[in-house]
Amino acid sequence: MLKHFSNTGDLVLDSFIGSGSTGAVAHKMGRKYIGIEMGEQAYSHVRKRLVSVVDGSDQTGISKAVDWKGGGGFKFYELAPSFVTIDEFGNPVIDSYYNDTKLIRAMCKLTNYTFAPDPKNYWKHGKGQGNNSIYVTTQMLSVAMVQQIVRHLSSNETLLICPKKYEPGCEKVDTRVTIKKIPQSILKACHYGKKEYLLPVKEKPIEEIEIEDDDE
């Protein structure tokens, strides 16, 4: 099917990659590919198969036809648990999986900011477009805290603050500051109570393998 319905460089998606056969064939035929799988077989079958494809030891399937000798690489990601879960009272709460750093990274990714903590300004956790920054805090945000931060903002800077809770009036301190409470600001982007197949908030892949061809 890949031969007849795709070309070199095309992207192939297999939502249930199983043992990794689709990825293996796509790799050997010079296609880009994304494979999705739940369960331990992602490690015991898919990852193991693709490692053998890259190192050239997998000579099954189409290998002989394309004279496969190995090469290339792949990235292996594990998706993090659902960012928000529902507590015993039916309220949306941040999953206990997320410590402060994970929470900040997650909020940066979900709000389209680049995670980039500023060592000189504790309230700059990430960068957006232009002079826009984000500050994520698990503390109760007070008007006084916002006023203190505003004193350090330049006239052309804007700041998105994402607290768990905040005092009334925080959103009115300065027009350069926007307040979005956690988790209300991301509820529409979340599924609830899942541990295995949801928000891709990890910044780096668990495994990245690159093997250069001999003639390069």
N, C-alpha and C. Protein backbone atom coordinates (compact mmCIF):
# COMPACT_ATOMS: atom_id res chain seq x y z
N MET A 1 0.82 -1.21 0.00
CA MET A 1 0.00 0.00 0.00
C MET A 1 0.86 1.26 0.00
N LEU A 2 1.93 1.25 0.79
CA LEU A 2 2.78 2.44 0.84
C LEU A 2 3.41 2.73 -0.52
N LYS A 3 3.72 1.70 -1.27
CA LYS A 3 4.32 1.88 -2.59
C LYS A 3 3.35 2.55 -3.54
N HIS A 4 2.08 2.18 -3.47
CA HIS A 4 1.09 2.68 -4.42
C HIS A 4 0.43 3.99 -3.98
N PHE A 5 0.39 4.25 -2.68
CA PHE A 5 -0.37 5.41 -2.19
C PHE A 5 0.48 6.45 -1.47
N SER A 6 1.80 6.34 -1.54
CA SER A 6 2.67 7.35 -0.94
C SER A 6 3.95 7.45 -1.74
N ASN A 7 4.64 8.57 -1.54
CA ASN A 7 5.92 8.80 -2.21
C ASN A 7 7.01 9.05 -1.18
N THR A 8 8.25 8.99 -1.62
CA THR A 8 9.38 9.26 -0.73
C THR A 8 9.23 10.63 -0.06
N GLY A 9 9.37 10.66 1.24
CA GLY A 9 9.23 11.91 1.99
C GLY A 9 7.84 12.19 2.51
N ASP A 10 6.83 11.42 2.05
CA ASP A 10 5.47 11.60 2.55
C ASP A 10 5.37 11.17 4.01
N LEU A 11 4.35 11.68 4.70
CA LEU A 11 4.12 11.33 6.10
C LEU A 11 3.06 10.25 6.20
N VAL A 12 3.39 9.15 6.85
CA VAL A 12 2.48 8.02 7.03
C VAL A 12 2.04 7.97 8.49
N LEU A 13 0.74 7.87 8.73
CA LEU A 13 0.20 7.79 10.09
C LEU A 13 -0.44 6.43 10.33
N ASP A 14 -0.03 5.77 11.39
CA ASP A 14 -0.66 4.52 11.82
C ASP A 14 -1.12 4.72 13.26
N SER A 15 -2.41 4.86 13.45
CA SER A 15 -2.97 5.17 14.78
C SER A 15 -2.90 3.97 15.73
N PHE A 16 -2.74 2.77 15.18
CA PHE A 16 -2.61 1.56 16.00
C PHE A 16 -1.45 0.76 15.41
N ILE A 17 -0.25 1.14 15.75
CA ILE A 17 0.93 0.62 15.04
C ILE A 17 1.26 -0.83 15.39
N GLY A 18 0.66 -1.36 16.45
CA GLY A 18 0.79 -2.78 16.76
C GLY A 18 2.20 -3.22 17.04
N SER A 19 2.78 -4.00 16.13
CA SER A 19 4.14 -4.52 16.32
C SER A 19 5.18 -3.64 15.66
N GLY A 20 4.75 -2.56 14.99
CA GLY A 20 5.69 -1.64 14.37
C GLY A 20 5.97 -1.89 12.91
N SER A 21 5.20 -2.79 12.27
CA SER A 21 5.47 -3.14 10.88
C SER A 21 5.32 -1.95 9.93
N THR A 22 4.27 -1.16 10.13
CA THR A 22 4.07 0.00 9.25
C THR A 22 5.24 0.97 9.35
N GLY A 23 5.67 1.25 10.57
CA GLY A 23 6.81 2.14 10.76
C GLY A 23 8.07 1.58 10.14
N ALA A 24 8.27 0.27 10.28
CA ALA A 24 9.47 -0.37 9.72
C ALA A 24 9.50 -0.25 8.21
N VAL A 25 8.37 -0.54 7.56
CA VAL A 25 8.30 -0.45 6.10
C VAL A 25 8.45 0.99 5.64
N ALA A 26 7.76 1.91 6.32
CA ALA A 26 7.84 3.33 5.95
C ALA A 26 9.28 3.83 6.08
N HIS A 27 9.95 3.43 7.13
CA HIS A 27 11.34 3.84 7.36
C HIS A 27 12.24 3.37 6.21
N LYS A 28 12.10 2.10 5.85
CA LYS A 28 12.94 1.52 4.80
C LYS A 28 12.64 2.11 3.42
N MET A 29 11.41 2.60 3.23
CA MET A 29 11.02 3.17 1.94
C MET A 29 11.22 4.68 1.87
N GLY A 30 11.81 5.25 2.92
CA GLY A 30 12.10 6.68 2.88
C GLY A 30 10.92 7.57 3.17
N ARG A 31 9.90 7.03 3.86
CA ARG A 31 8.76 7.83 4.26
C ARG A 31 8.95 8.34 5.69
N LYS A 32 8.36 9.48 5.99
CA LYS A 32 8.26 9.91 7.37
C LYS A 32 7.06 9.18 7.97
N TYR A 33 7.05 8.99 9.27
CA TYR A 33 5.94 8.23 9.83
C TYR A 33 5.70 8.59 11.29
N ILE A 34 4.45 8.44 11.69
CA ILE A 34 4.03 8.59 13.08
C ILE A 34 3.24 7.34 13.45
N GLY A 35 3.63 6.69 14.52
CA GLY A 35 2.91 5.52 14.99
C GLY A 35 2.44 5.73 16.42
N ILE A 36 1.25 5.27 16.72
CA ILE A 36 0.66 5.44 18.05
C ILE A 36 0.28 4.07 18.60
N GLU A 37 0.61 3.83 19.84
CA GLU A 37 0.27 2.55 20.46
C GLU A 37 0.15 2.71 21.96
N MET A 38 -0.82 2.02 22.56
CA MET A 38 -0.99 2.01 24.00
C MET A 38 -0.50 0.68 24.55
N GLY A 39 0.00 0.71 25.75
CA GLY A 39 0.38 -0.54 26.39
C GLY A 39 1.86 -0.84 26.28
N GLU A 40 2.25 -1.90 26.95
CA GLU A 40 3.66 -2.29 27.04
C GLU A 40 4.25 -2.66 25.69
N GLN A 41 3.40 -3.06 24.73
CA GLN A 41 3.93 -3.45 23.42
C GLN A 41 4.60 -2.30 22.69
N ALA A 42 4.33 -1.07 23.12
CA ALA A 42 5.03 0.07 22.53
C ALA A 42 6.53 -0.06 22.77
N TYR A 43 6.90 -0.65 23.92
CA TYR A 43 8.30 -0.88 24.24
C TYR A 43 8.78 -2.25 23.76
N SER A 44 7.99 -3.28 24.06
CA SER A 44 8.43 -4.65 23.79
C SER A 44 8.43 -5.00 22.31
N HIS A 45 7.60 -4.32 21.51
CA HIS A 45 7.50 -4.63 20.09
C HIS A 45 7.92 -3.47 19.19
N VAL A 46 7.23 -2.33 19.33
CA VAL A 46 7.44 -1.22 18.40
C VAL A 46 8.86 -0.66 18.52
N ARG A 47 9.23 -0.25 19.71
CA ARG A 47 10.56 0.34 19.90
C ARG A 47 11.66 -0.65 19.52
N LYS A 48 11.51 -1.88 19.97
CA LYS A 48 12.50 -2.91 19.67
C LYS A 48 12.64 -3.12 18.16
N ARG A 49 11.50 -3.13 17.46
CA ARG A 49 11.52 -3.34 16.00
C ARG A 49 12.22 -2.18 15.30
N LEU A 50 11.91 -0.97 15.68
CA LEU A 50 12.49 0.20 15.02
C LEU A 50 13.98 0.33 15.30
N VAL A 51 14.41 -0.06 16.49
CA VAL A 51 15.84 -0.06 16.79
C VAL A 51 16.57 -1.01 15.84
N SER A 52 15.98 -2.18 15.61
CA SER A 52 16.61 -3.15 14.71
C SER A 52 16.58 -2.69 13.26
N VAL A 53 15.56 -1.89 12.90
CA VAL A 53 15.52 -1.31 11.55
C VAL A 53 16.67 -0.32 11.37
N VAL A 54 16.85 0.53 12.36
CA VAL A 54 17.89 1.56 12.28
C VAL A 54 19.29 0.95 12.25
N ASP A 55 19.52 -0.07 13.07
CA ASP A 55 20.87 -0.65 13.10
C ASP A 55 21.11 -1.68 11.99
N GLY A 56 20.07 -1.94 11.19
CA GLY A 56 20.23 -2.80 10.02
C GLY A 56 20.02 -4.28 10.27
N SER A 57 19.77 -4.68 11.52
CA SER A 57 19.60 -6.11 11.82
C SER A 57 18.24 -6.65 11.41
N ASP A 58 17.26 -5.77 11.22
CA ASP A 58 15.94 -6.21 10.75
C ASP A 58 15.99 -6.37 9.23
N GLN A 59 15.91 -7.60 8.77
CA GLN A 59 15.95 -7.89 7.34
C GLN A 59 14.68 -8.57 6.86
N THR A 60 13.58 -8.29 7.57
CA THR A 60 12.29 -8.87 7.21
C THR A 60 11.58 -7.99 6.20
N GLY A 61 10.46 -8.52 5.69
CA GLY A 61 9.59 -7.73 4.82
C GLY A 61 10.25 -7.23 3.55
N ILE A 62 10.25 -5.92 3.40
CA ILE A 62 10.70 -5.28 2.17
C ILE A 62 12.22 -5.08 2.11
N SER A 63 12.93 -5.53 3.11
CA SER A 63 14.37 -5.26 3.22
C SER A 63 15.16 -5.67 1.99
N LYS A 64 14.91 -6.87 1.48
CA LYS A 64 15.66 -7.36 0.32
C LYS A 64 15.37 -6.54 -0.92
N ALA A 65 14.10 -6.16 -1.10
CA ALA A 65 13.70 -5.41 -2.29
C ALA A 65 14.34 -4.03 -2.35
N VAL A 66 14.55 -3.42 -1.18
CA VAL A 66 15.14 -2.07 -1.16
C VAL A 66 16.61 -2.10 -0.75
N ASP A 67 17.15 -3.32 -0.59
CA ASP A 67 18.55 -3.49 -0.19
C ASP A 67 18.84 -2.73 1.11
N TRP A 68 18.02 -3.01 2.13
CA TRP A 68 18.12 -2.27 3.39
C TRP A 68 19.36 -2.64 4.18
N LYS A 69 20.16 -1.65 4.54
CA LYS A 69 21.38 -1.85 5.30
C LYS A 69 21.36 -1.11 6.65
N GLY A 70 20.26 -0.44 6.95
CA GLY A 70 20.17 0.33 8.19
C GLY A 70 20.39 1.81 7.93
N GLY A 71 20.20 2.61 8.98
CA GLY A 71 20.40 4.05 8.88
C GLY A 71 19.17 4.83 9.30
N GLY A 72 19.32 6.14 9.36
CA GLY A 72 18.22 7.00 9.78
C GLY A 72 18.06 7.02 11.28
N GLY A 73 16.89 7.37 11.75
CA GLY A 73 16.64 7.43 13.18
C GLY A 73 15.17 7.66 13.46
N PHE A 74 14.80 7.63 14.73
CA PHE A 74 13.42 7.89 15.11
C PHE A 74 13.38 8.50 16.51
N LYS A 75 12.28 9.11 16.84
CA LYS A 75 12.06 9.67 18.17
C LYS A 75 10.92 8.90 18.83
N PHE A 76 11.11 8.58 20.08
CA PHE A 76 10.13 7.80 20.83
C PHE A 76 9.61 8.64 21.98
N TYR A 77 8.31 8.94 21.99
CA TYR A 77 7.71 9.78 23.02
C TYR A 77 6.73 8.97 23.87
N GLU A 78 6.70 9.29 25.15
CA GLU A 78 5.65 8.78 26.03
C GLU A 78 4.79 9.95 26.46
N LEU A 79 3.49 9.86 26.20
CA LEU A 79 2.61 10.96 26.54
C LEU A 79 2.32 10.98 28.04
N ALA A 80 2.28 12.18 28.59
CA ALA A 80 2.06 12.35 30.03
C ALA A 80 0.60 12.14 30.39
N PRO A 81 0.30 11.95 31.67
CA PRO A 81 -1.09 11.81 32.10
C PRO A 81 -1.89 13.07 31.82
N SER A 82 -3.20 12.93 31.88
CA SER A 82 -4.11 14.07 31.76
C SER A 82 -3.70 15.16 32.74
N PHE A 83 -3.68 16.40 32.27
CA PHE A 83 -3.25 17.52 33.10
C PHE A 83 -4.24 17.80 34.23
N VAL A 84 -5.51 17.59 33.96
CA VAL A 84 -6.56 17.89 34.93
C VAL A 84 -7.33 16.62 35.24
N THR A 85 -7.65 16.41 36.51
CA THR A 85 -8.49 15.30 36.91
C THR A 85 -9.66 15.83 37.73
N ILE A 86 -10.63 15.00 37.99
CA ILE A 86 -11.81 15.40 38.77
C ILE A 86 -11.70 14.81 40.17
N ASP A 87 -11.83 15.66 41.20
CA ASP A 87 -11.72 15.15 42.56
C ASP A 87 -13.04 14.54 43.01
N GLU A 88 -13.06 14.08 44.28
CA GLU A 88 -14.24 13.37 44.79
C GLU A 88 -15.48 14.24 44.89
N PHE A 89 -15.30 15.56 44.79
CA PHE A 89 -16.44 16.46 44.86
C PHE A 89 -16.89 16.92 43.47
N GLY A 90 -16.25 16.37 42.44
CA GLY A 90 -16.62 16.74 41.08
C GLY A 90 -15.95 17.99 40.57
N ASN A 91 -14.94 18.47 41.28
CA ASN A 91 -14.25 19.69 40.87
C ASN A 91 -13.00 19.36 40.05
N PRO A 92 -12.72 20.16 39.01
CA PRO A 92 -11.49 19.94 38.23
C PRO A 92 -10.28 20.40 39.02
N VAL A 93 -9.29 19.53 39.16
CA VAL A 93 -8.06 19.86 39.89
C VAL A 93 -6.86 19.39 39.08
N ILE A 94 -5.69 19.98 39.34
CA ILE A 94 -4.47 19.58 38.67
C ILE A 94 -4.03 18.21 39.19
N ASP A 95 -3.72 17.30 38.29
CA ASP A 95 -3.30 15.96 38.67
C ASP A 95 -2.04 16.01 39.54
N SER A 96 -1.97 15.12 40.52
CA SER A 96 -0.84 15.11 41.45
C SER A 96 0.48 14.73 40.77
N TYR A 97 0.42 14.23 39.55
CA TYR A 97 1.63 13.89 38.79
C TYR A 97 2.52 15.11 38.57
N TYR A 98 1.89 16.28 38.50
CA TYR A 98 2.62 17.48 38.11
C TYR A 98 3.17 18.24 39.31
N ASN A 99 4.51 18.28 39.42
CA ASN A 99 5.13 19.17 40.39
C ASN A 99 5.24 20.55 39.76
N ASP A 100 5.87 21.49 40.45
CA ASP A 100 5.89 22.86 39.96
C ASP A 100 6.53 22.98 38.57
N THR A 101 7.65 22.31 38.36
CA THR A 101 8.34 22.42 37.07
C THR A 101 7.51 21.81 35.96
N LYS A 102 6.93 20.65 36.22
CA LYS A 102 6.08 20.01 35.21
C LYS A 102 4.86 20.87 34.91
N LEU A 103 4.31 21.47 35.96
CA LEU A 103 3.16 22.34 35.80
C LEU A 103 3.50 23.53 34.91
N ILE A 104 4.64 24.15 35.16
CA ILE A 104 5.05 25.31 34.37
C ILE A 104 5.28 24.91 32.92
N ARG A 105 5.97 23.80 32.71
CA ARG A 105 6.20 23.32 31.35
C ARG A 105 4.88 23.05 30.63
N ALA A 106 3.97 22.41 31.35
CA ALA A 106 2.68 22.08 30.75
C ALA A 106 1.91 23.33 30.36
N MET A 107 1.87 24.30 31.26
CA MET A 107 1.15 25.53 30.97
C MET A 107 1.79 26.29 29.81
N CYS A 108 3.11 26.30 29.75
CA CYS A 108 3.79 26.96 28.63
C CYS A 108 3.38 26.32 27.32
N LYS A 109 3.39 25.00 27.28
CA LYS A 109 3.06 24.30 26.04
C LYS A 109 1.59 24.51 25.67
N LEU A 110 0.72 24.43 26.66
CA LEU A 110 -0.71 24.54 26.39
C LEU A 110 -1.15 25.95 26.02
N THR A 111 -0.37 26.95 26.38
CA THR A 111 -0.70 28.34 26.05
C THR A 111 0.21 28.91 24.97
N ASN A 112 0.97 28.02 24.31
CA ASN A 112 1.83 28.41 23.18
C ASN A 112 2.96 29.36 23.57
N TYR A 113 3.53 29.11 24.74
CA TYR A 113 4.73 29.82 25.17
C TYR A 113 5.91 28.85 25.16
N THR A 114 7.10 29.39 24.99
CA THR A 114 8.32 28.58 25.06
C THR A 114 8.85 28.59 26.48
N PHE A 115 9.02 27.42 27.06
CA PHE A 115 9.53 27.31 28.43
C PHE A 115 10.94 27.86 28.49
N ALA A 116 11.11 28.99 29.17
CA ALA A 116 12.42 29.65 29.23
C ALA A 116 12.51 30.49 30.50
N PRO A 117 12.72 29.86 31.66
CA PRO A 117 12.80 30.61 32.92
C PRO A 117 13.91 31.66 32.90
N ASP A 118 13.58 32.84 33.39
CA ASP A 118 14.54 33.93 33.46
C ASP A 118 15.17 33.94 34.85
N PRO A 119 16.47 33.70 34.96
CA PRO A 119 17.11 33.64 36.29
C PRO A 119 17.06 34.96 37.05
N LYS A 120 16.86 36.06 36.34
CA LYS A 120 16.84 37.37 36.99
C LYS A 120 15.42 37.81 37.38
N ASN A 121 14.44 37.24 36.75
CA ASN A 121 13.04 37.61 37.03
C ASN A 121 12.24 36.34 37.29
N TYR A 122 11.93 36.07 38.54
CA TYR A 122 11.26 34.83 38.92
C TYR A 122 9.91 34.68 38.25
N TRP A 123 9.31 35.80 37.84
CA TRP A 123 7.97 35.78 37.28
C TRP A 123 7.97 35.62 35.76
N LYS A 124 9.09 35.32 35.18
CA LYS A 124 9.16 35.03 33.74
C LYS A 124 9.52 33.55 33.55
N HIS A 125 8.49 32.74 33.33
CA HIS A 125 8.71 31.31 33.15
C HIS A 125 8.81 30.90 31.69
N GLY A 126 8.27 31.73 30.81
CA GLY A 126 8.28 31.39 29.40
C GLY A 126 8.12 32.61 28.52
N LYS A 127 8.45 32.44 27.25
CA LYS A 127 8.38 33.54 26.29
C LYS A 127 7.31 33.28 25.24
N GLY A 128 6.57 34.34 24.93
CA GLY A 128 5.60 34.26 23.86
C GLY A 128 6.06 35.10 22.69
N GLN A 129 5.13 35.56 21.90
CA GLN A 129 5.47 36.41 20.77
C GLN A 129 5.82 37.82 21.26
N GLY A 130 6.79 38.43 20.61
CA GLY A 130 7.17 39.78 20.98
C GLY A 130 7.72 39.84 22.39
N ASN A 131 7.22 40.78 23.17
CA ASN A 131 7.66 40.96 24.55
C ASN A 131 6.66 40.38 25.55
N ASN A 132 6.04 39.30 25.15
CA ASN A 132 5.03 38.66 25.99
C ASN A 132 5.65 37.51 26.79
N SER A 133 5.39 37.47 28.10
CA SER A 133 5.92 36.42 28.97
C SER A 133 4.78 35.77 29.73
N ILE A 134 5.09 34.62 30.35
CA ILE A 134 4.10 33.91 31.16
C ILE A 134 4.68 33.61 32.53
N TYR A 135 3.82 33.72 33.55
CA TYR A 135 4.20 33.40 34.92
C TYR A 135 3.18 32.43 35.47
N VAL A 136 3.63 31.26 35.92
CA VAL A 136 2.75 30.23 36.47
C VAL A 136 3.05 30.07 37.95
N THR A 137 2.02 30.14 38.78
CA THR A 137 2.25 30.03 40.22
C THR A 137 1.17 29.19 40.87
N THR A 138 1.56 28.37 41.84
CA THR A 138 0.61 27.58 42.61
C THR A 138 0.15 28.32 43.85
N GLN A 139 0.69 29.51 44.08
CA GLN A 139 0.30 30.31 45.23
C GLN A 139 -1.00 31.08 44.96
N MET A 140 -1.58 31.55 46.03
CA MET A 140 -2.71 32.47 45.92
C MET A 140 -2.17 33.81 45.44
N LEU A 141 -2.60 34.27 44.29
CA LEU A 141 -2.10 35.52 43.72
C LEU A 141 -2.85 36.69 44.35
N SER A 142 -2.10 37.62 44.90
CA SER A 142 -2.70 38.79 45.54
C SER A 142 -2.52 40.02 44.67
N VAL A 143 -3.31 41.04 44.95
CA VAL A 143 -3.18 42.31 44.24
C VAL A 143 -1.79 42.89 44.47
N ALA A 144 -1.29 42.76 45.69
CA ALA A 144 0.03 43.29 46.02
C ALA A 144 1.12 42.61 45.19
N MET A 145 0.98 41.30 44.97
CA MET A 145 1.97 40.58 44.16
C MET A 145 1.97 41.08 42.73
N VAL A 146 0.78 41.29 42.19
CA VAL A 146 0.67 41.78 40.81
C VAL A 146 1.27 43.18 40.71
N GLN A 147 0.97 44.01 41.69
CA GLN A 147 1.51 45.38 41.69
C GLN A 147 3.04 45.37 41.74
N GLN A 148 3.60 44.44 42.52
CA GLN A 148 5.05 44.34 42.62
C GLN A 148 5.66 43.93 41.28
N ILE A 149 5.04 42.97 40.60
CA ILE A 149 5.54 42.52 39.30
C ILE A 149 5.44 43.62 38.26
N VAL A 150 4.32 44.34 38.28
CA VAL A 150 4.08 45.40 37.29
C VAL A 150 5.17 46.47 37.34
N ARG A 151 5.70 46.71 38.52
CA ARG A 151 6.74 47.73 38.65
C ARG A 151 8.00 47.38 37.85
N HIS A 152 8.15 46.11 37.53
CA HIS A 152 9.33 45.67 36.78
C HIS A 152 9.05 45.47 35.29
N LEU A 153 7.80 45.65 34.89
CA LEU A 153 7.45 45.53 33.48
C LEU A 153 7.79 46.81 32.74
N SER A 154 8.37 46.66 31.56
CA SER A 154 8.60 47.85 30.73
C SER A 154 7.30 48.22 30.03
N SER A 155 7.26 49.38 29.45
CA SER A 155 6.01 49.89 28.86
C SER A 155 5.49 49.04 27.72
N ASN A 156 6.39 48.32 27.04
CA ASN A 156 5.95 47.51 25.89
C ASN A 156 5.90 46.02 26.21
N GLU A 157 6.01 45.66 27.48
CA GLU A 157 5.93 44.26 27.89
C GLU A 157 4.51 43.90 28.31
N THR A 158 4.12 42.65 28.06
CA THR A 158 2.86 42.12 28.57
C THR A 158 3.14 40.81 29.29
N LEU A 159 2.25 40.46 30.20
CA LEU A 159 2.47 39.27 31.02
C LEU A 159 1.17 38.51 31.23
N LEU A 160 1.22 37.21 30.98
CA LEU A 160 0.11 36.32 31.30
C LEU A 160 0.44 35.62 32.60
N ILE A 161 -0.41 35.79 33.62
CA ILE A 161 -0.21 35.13 34.91
C ILE A 161 -1.25 34.03 35.06
N CYS A 162 -0.78 32.82 35.36
CA CYS A 162 -1.67 31.68 35.54
C CYS A 162 -1.53 31.14 36.96
N PRO A 163 -2.39 31.60 37.88
CA PRO A 163 -2.34 31.11 39.26
C PRO A 163 -3.44 30.07 39.49
N LYS A 164 -3.33 29.34 40.60
CA LYS A 164 -4.42 28.45 40.97
C LYS A 164 -5.62 29.25 41.47
N LYS A 165 -5.30 30.31 42.25
CA LYS A 165 -6.35 31.19 42.78
C LYS A 165 -5.84 32.61 42.78
N TYR A 166 -6.74 33.57 42.75
CA TYR A 166 -6.30 34.96 42.83
C TYR A 166 -7.37 35.82 43.49
N GLU A 167 -6.90 36.90 44.13
CA GLU A 167 -7.80 37.83 44.80
C GLU A 167 -8.59 38.65 43.78
N PRO A 168 -9.80 39.02 44.13
CA PRO A 168 -10.56 39.93 43.27
C PRO A 168 -9.78 41.23 43.07
N GLY A 169 -9.74 41.71 41.87
CA GLY A 169 -9.04 42.96 41.57
C GLY A 169 -7.69 42.76 40.91
N CYS A 170 -7.16 41.53 40.96
CA CYS A 170 -5.86 41.28 40.34
C CYS A 170 -5.88 41.58 38.84
N GLU A 171 -7.00 41.26 38.21
CA GLU A 171 -7.10 41.43 36.76
C GLU A 171 -7.24 42.90 36.35
N LYS A 172 -7.43 43.77 37.34
CA LYS A 172 -7.62 45.20 37.05
C LYS A 172 -6.40 46.06 37.40
N VAL A 173 -5.34 45.43 37.86
CA VAL A 173 -4.17 46.19 38.30
C VAL A 173 -3.51 46.94 37.15
N ASP A 174 -3.35 46.27 36.01
CA ASP A 174 -2.65 46.89 34.88
C ASP A 174 -3.10 46.22 33.58
N THR A 175 -3.28 47.00 32.55
CA THR A 175 -3.75 46.46 31.27
C THR A 175 -2.71 45.58 30.59
N ARG A 176 -1.48 45.67 31.04
CA ARG A 176 -0.43 44.82 30.45
C ARG A 176 -0.43 43.41 31.03
N VAL A 177 -1.24 43.19 32.06
CA VAL A 177 -1.29 41.90 32.73
C VAL A 177 -2.63 41.22 32.48
N THR A 178 -2.58 39.96 32.07
CA THR A 178 -3.77 39.14 31.89
C THR A 178 -3.73 37.99 32.89
N ILE A 179 -4.85 37.74 33.56
CA ILE A 179 -4.92 36.66 34.54
C ILE A 179 -5.78 35.53 33.98
N LYS A 180 -5.24 34.33 33.99
CA LYS A 180 -6.01 33.14 33.60
C LYS A 180 -5.80 32.08 34.67
N LYS A 181 -6.86 31.79 35.39
CA LYS A 181 -6.77 30.86 36.50
C LYS A 181 -6.53 29.43 36.02
N ILE A 182 -5.71 28.70 36.73
CA ILE A 182 -5.52 27.27 36.50
C ILE A 182 -6.55 26.51 37.34
N PRO A 183 -7.24 25.53 36.82
CA PRO A 183 -7.14 24.96 35.49
C PRO A 183 -8.19 25.49 34.51
N GLN A 184 -8.99 26.48 34.92
CA GLN A 184 -10.06 26.94 34.05
C GLN A 184 -9.57 27.37 32.68
N SER A 185 -8.36 27.88 32.61
CA SER A 185 -7.84 28.38 31.34
C SER A 185 -7.54 27.26 30.35
N ILE A 186 -7.51 26.00 30.82
CA ILE A 186 -7.18 24.91 29.91
C ILE A 186 -8.21 23.78 29.92
N LEU A 187 -9.33 23.96 30.60
CA LEU A 187 -10.31 22.88 30.72
C LEU A 187 -10.76 22.34 29.37
N LYS A 188 -10.96 23.24 28.41
CA LYS A 188 -11.45 22.80 27.11
C LYS A 188 -10.41 21.98 26.35
N ALA A 189 -9.15 22.07 26.75
CA ALA A 189 -8.09 21.33 26.05
C ALA A 189 -7.79 19.99 26.70
N CYS A 190 -8.51 19.66 27.79
CA CYS A 190 -8.15 18.48 28.57
C CYS A 190 -9.21 17.40 28.53
N HIS A 191 -8.75 16.14 28.65
CA HIS A 191 -9.60 15.04 29.02
C HIS A 191 -9.33 14.80 30.50
N TYR A 192 -10.18 14.02 31.14
CA TYR A 192 -10.07 13.91 32.59
C TYR A 192 -9.74 12.51 33.07
N GLY A 193 -8.80 12.46 34.04
CA GLY A 193 -8.55 11.24 34.76
C GLY A 193 -7.87 10.14 33.97
N LYS A 194 -7.26 10.45 32.82
CA LYS A 194 -6.57 9.44 32.04
C LYS A 194 -5.09 9.45 32.40
N LYS A 195 -4.48 8.27 32.40
CA LYS A 195 -3.08 8.17 32.81
C LYS A 195 -2.15 7.79 31.66
N GLU A 196 -2.71 7.44 30.49
CA GLU A 196 -1.83 6.83 29.52
C GLU A 196 -1.84 7.42 28.11
N TYR A 197 -2.83 8.24 27.75
CA TYR A 197 -2.92 8.57 26.32
C TYR A 197 -3.45 9.96 26.10
N LEU A 198 -2.80 10.96 26.75
CA LEU A 198 -3.35 12.28 26.57
C LEU A 198 -2.30 13.33 26.31
N LEU A 199 -2.33 14.41 27.04
CA LEU A 199 -1.58 15.59 26.64
C LEU A 199 -0.08 15.36 26.49
N PRO A 200 0.47 15.71 25.33
CA PRO A 200 1.90 15.52 25.09
C PRO A 200 2.73 16.65 25.64
N VAL A 201 2.90 16.68 26.97
CA VAL A 201 3.54 17.82 27.59
C VAL A 201 5.02 17.63 27.83
N LYS A 202 5.57 16.44 27.53
CA LYS A 202 6.99 16.25 27.75
C LYS A 202 7.78 16.97 26.67
N GLU A 203 8.84 17.63 27.10
CA GLU A 203 9.62 18.45 26.19
C GLU A 203 10.60 17.63 25.36
N LYS A 204 11.14 16.55 25.94
CA LYS A 204 12.16 15.80 25.24
C LYS A 204 11.74 14.35 25.10
N PRO A 205 12.11 13.70 24.00
CA PRO A 205 11.77 12.30 23.80
C PRO A 205 12.54 11.40 24.75
N ILE A 206 11.93 10.27 25.09
CA ILE A 206 12.61 9.30 25.92
C ILE A 206 13.82 8.74 25.17
N GLU A 207 13.65 8.54 23.87
CA GLU A 207 14.73 7.92 23.10
C GLU A 207 14.84 8.61 21.76
N GLU A 208 16.04 8.93 21.37
CA GLU A 208 16.28 9.46 20.03
C GLU A 208 17.51 8.77 19.49
N ILE A 209 17.33 8.06 18.41
CA ILE A 209 18.42 7.28 17.85
C ILE A 209 18.77 7.84 16.49
N GLU A 210 20.03 8.10 16.26
CA GLU A 210 20.51 8.58 14.97
C GLU A 210 21.73 7.76 14.59
N ILE A 211 21.67 7.11 13.43
CA ILE A 211 22.81 6.36 12.91
C ILE A 211 23.10 6.88 11.52
N GLU A 212 24.28 7.41 11.31
CA GLU A 212 24.63 7.97 10.02
C GLU A 212 24.99 6.87 9.03
N ASP A 213 24.65 7.10 7.76
CA ASP A 213 25.04 6.16 6.72
C ASP A 213 26.55 6.20 6.56
N ASP A 214 27.12 5.09 6.09
CA ASP A 214 28.57 4.98 5.97
C ASP A 214 29.17 5.97 4.99
N ASP A 215 28.38 6.33 3.95
CA ASP A 215 28.92 7.19 2.90
C ASP A 215 28.74 8.67 3.18
N GLU A 216 28.23 9.02 4.36
CA GLU A 216 28.04 10.43 4.70
C GLU A 216 29.24 10.95 5.48
